[in-house]
C-alpha atoms as a PDB file:
ATOM      1  CA  MET A   1       3.761  32.442   8.915  1.00  0.00           C
ATOM      2  CA  SER A   2       3.503  29.744  11.530  1.00  0.00           C
ATOM      3  CA  ALA A   3       3.917  26.076  10.642  1.00  0.00           C
ATOM      4  CA  ASP A   4       1.146  25.268  13.153  1.00  0.00           C
ATOM      5  CA  ARG A   5      -1.495  27.383  11.487  1.00  0.00           C
ATOM      6  CA  ALA A   6      -4.400  25.483   9.976  1.00  0.00           C
ATOM      7  CA  ASP A   7      -4.779  25.278   6.225  1.00  0.00           C
ATOM      8  CA  LYS A   8      -7.659  27.572   5.244  1.00  0.00           C
ATOM      9  CA  ALA A   9      -9.092  25.193   2.638  1.00  0.00           C
ATOM     10  CA  THR A  10      -9.221  22.000   4.716  1.00  0.00           C
ATOM     11  CA  GLY A  11      -8.813  23.154   8.298  1.00  0.00           C
ATOM     12  CA  ARG A  12      -6.016  20.586   8.846  1.00  0.00           C
ATOM     13  CA  ARG A  13      -2.433  21.034   9.935  1.00  0.00           C
ATOM     14  CA  TRP A  14       0.552  19.174   8.478  1.00  0.00           C
ATOM     15  CA  GLN A  15       0.957  17.356  11.789  1.00  0.00           C
ATOM     16  CA  ASP A  16      -2.562  15.980  11.388  1.00  0.00           C
ATOM     17  CA  VAL A  17      -1.982  14.827   7.804  1.00  0.00           C
ATOM     18  CA  LEU A  18       1.531  13.381   8.125  1.00  0.00           C
ATOM     19  CA  THR A  19       1.135  11.043  11.071  1.00  0.00           C
ATOM     20  CA  PRO A  20       3.988   8.642  11.912  1.00  0.00           C
ATOM     21  CA  ARG A  21       1.908   5.702  10.663  1.00  0.00           C
ATOM     22  CA  ARG A  22       1.353   7.366   7.274  1.00  0.00           C
ATOM     23  CA  ILE A  23       5.024   8.301   6.952  1.00  0.00           C
ATOM     24  CA  ILE A  24       6.065   4.696   7.660  1.00  0.00           C
ATOM     25  CA  ALA A  25       3.521   3.422   5.120  1.00  0.00           C
ATOM     26  CA  LEU A  26       4.807   5.838   2.468  1.00  0.00           C
ATOM     27  CA  VAL A  27       8.440   4.865   3.120  1.00  0.00           C
ATOM     28  CA  LEU A  28       7.609   1.142   2.915  1.00  0.00           C
ATOM     29  CA  ALA A  29       5.631   1.636  -0.297  1.00  0.00           C
ATOM     30  CA  ALA A  30       8.511   3.632  -1.812  1.00  0.00           C
ATOM     31  CA  LEU A  31      11.010   0.909  -0.846  1.00  0.00           C
ATOM     32  CA  ALA A  32       8.747  -1.764  -2.330  1.00  0.00           C
ATOM     33  CA  LEU A  33       8.464   0.166  -5.590  1.00  0.00           C
ATOM     34  CA  VAL A  34      12.245   0.685  -5.775  1.00  0.00           C
ATOM     35  CA  PHE A  35      12.764  -3.052  -5.200  1.00  0.00           C
ATOM     36  CA  ILE A  36      10.188  -3.907  -7.852  1.00  0.00           C
ATOM     37  CA  PHE A  37      11.583  -1.622 -10.544  1.00  0.00           C
ATOM     38  CA  GLU A  38      15.201  -2.638  -9.890  1.00  0.00           C
ATOM     39  CA  ASN A  39      14.341  -6.223 -10.882  1.00  0.00           C
ATOM     40  CA  THR A  40      13.691  -5.962 -14.612  1.00  0.00           C
ATOM     41  CA  ARG A  41      14.849  -9.303 -16.025  1.00  0.00           C
ATOM     42  CA  GLN A  42      12.463 -11.807 -17.606  1.00  0.00           C
ATOM     43  CA  VAL A  43      11.317 -14.763 -15.491  1.00  0.00           C
ATOM     44  CA  ARG A  44       9.178 -17.833 -16.084  1.00  0.00           C
ATOM     45  CA  ILE A  45       6.295 -18.222 -13.667  1.00  0.00           C
ATOM     46  CA  ARG A  46       4.091 -21.286 -13.405  1.00  0.00           C
ATOM     47  CA  LEU A  47       0.418 -20.448 -12.778  1.00  0.00           C
ATOM     48  CA  ILE A  48      -1.057 -23.832 -11.768  1.00  0.00           C
ATOM     49  CA  VAL A  49      -1.064 -25.144 -15.380  1.00  0.00           C
ATOM     50  CA  PRO A  50       0.246 -22.502 -17.818  1.00  0.00           C
ATOM     51  CA  GLU A  51       3.793 -21.192 -17.675  1.00  0.00           C
ATOM     52  CA  VAL A  52       4.118 -17.453 -18.310  1.00  0.00           C
ATOM     53  CA  THR A  53       7.217 -15.411 -19.154  1.00  0.00           C
ATOM     54  CA  MET A  54       7.065 -11.846 -17.851  1.00  0.00           C
ATOM     55  CA  PRO A  55       9.360  -9.197 -16.399  1.00  0.00           C
ATOM     56  CA  LEU A  56      10.150  -9.825 -12.748  1.00  0.00           C
ATOM     57  CA  TRP A  57       9.015  -6.281 -11.860  1.00  0.00           C
ATOM     58  CA  ALA A  58       5.531  -7.045 -13.207  1.00  0.00           C
ATOM     59  CA  ALA A  59       5.255 -10.246 -11.171  1.00  0.00           C
ATOM     60  CA  LEU A  60       6.438  -8.417  -8.043  1.00  0.00           C
ATOM     61  CA  LEU A  61       4.050  -5.532  -8.663  1.00  0.00           C
ATOM     62  CA  ILE A  62       1.112  -7.905  -9.115  1.00  0.00           C
ATOM     63  CA  THR A  63       2.037  -9.679  -5.873  1.00  0.00           C
ATOM     64  CA  PHE A  64       2.443  -6.351  -4.046  1.00  0.00           C
ATOM     65  CA  VAL A  65      -0.970  -5.087  -5.192  1.00  0.00           C
ATOM     66  CA  ALA A  66      -2.630  -8.399  -4.325  1.00  0.00           C
ATOM     67  CA  GLY A  67      -1.130  -8.272  -0.824  1.00  0.00           C
ATOM     68  CA  LEU A  68      -2.160  -4.650  -0.419  1.00  0.00           C
ATOM     69  CA  LEU A  69      -5.736  -5.454  -1.412  1.00  0.00           C
ATOM     70  CA  CYS A  70      -5.833  -8.439   0.976  1.00  0.00           C
ATOM     71  CA  GLY A  71      -4.590  -6.236   3.819  1.00  0.00           C
ATOM     72  CA  LEU A  72      -7.134  -3.527   3.069  1.00  0.00           C
ATOM     73  CA  PHE A  73      -9.925  -6.089   2.907  1.00  0.00           C
ATOM     74  CA  ALA A  74      -8.842  -7.631   6.223  1.00  0.00           C
ATOM     75  CA  ALA A  75      -8.766  -4.201   7.893  1.00  0.00           C
ATOM     76  CA  TRP A  76     -12.173  -3.296   6.442  1.00  0.00           C
ATOM     77  CA  SER A  77     -13.638  -6.642   7.489  1.00  0.00           C
ATOM     78  CA  GLY A  78     -12.262  -6.293  11.023  1.00  0.00           C
ATOM     79  CA  ARG A  79     -13.734  -2.815  11.421  1.00  0.00           C
ATOM     80  CA  ARG A  80     -17.048  -4.016  10.066  1.00  0.00           C
ATOM     81  CA  SER A  81     -17.246  -6.964  12.488  1.00  0.00           C
ATOM     82  CA  ARG A  82     -16.341  -4.734  15.460  1.00  0.00           C
ATOM     83  CA  ARG A  83     -19.169  -2.368  14.516  1.00  0.00           C
ATOM     84  CA  ARG A  84     -21.601  -5.280  14.382  1.00  0.00           C
ATOM     85  CA  ALA A  85     -20.441  -6.523  17.803  1.00  0.00           C
ATOM     86  CA  ARG A  86     -21.226  -3.131  19.359  1.00  0.00           C
ATOM     87  CA  ARG A  87     -24.867  -3.240  18.260  1.00  0.00           C
END
């Protein structure tokens, strides 16, 4: 069997699915998760007024997800404004 043959179910090749950009994103996400789960001690975090005690991994994970959502929103918003400019 050839590695270049298209998958019968989707019609895509591995080279089409695993682009360099996606591989880099997966490696960075894996490194972020390793960093997050290696930091397990309890920390105190001040949230404007209340002070919360939580595991450091949870605070890092919350920050990571918030940053990821902000990046996705910025990319979506940029694509949306470019589409409007073309009209």
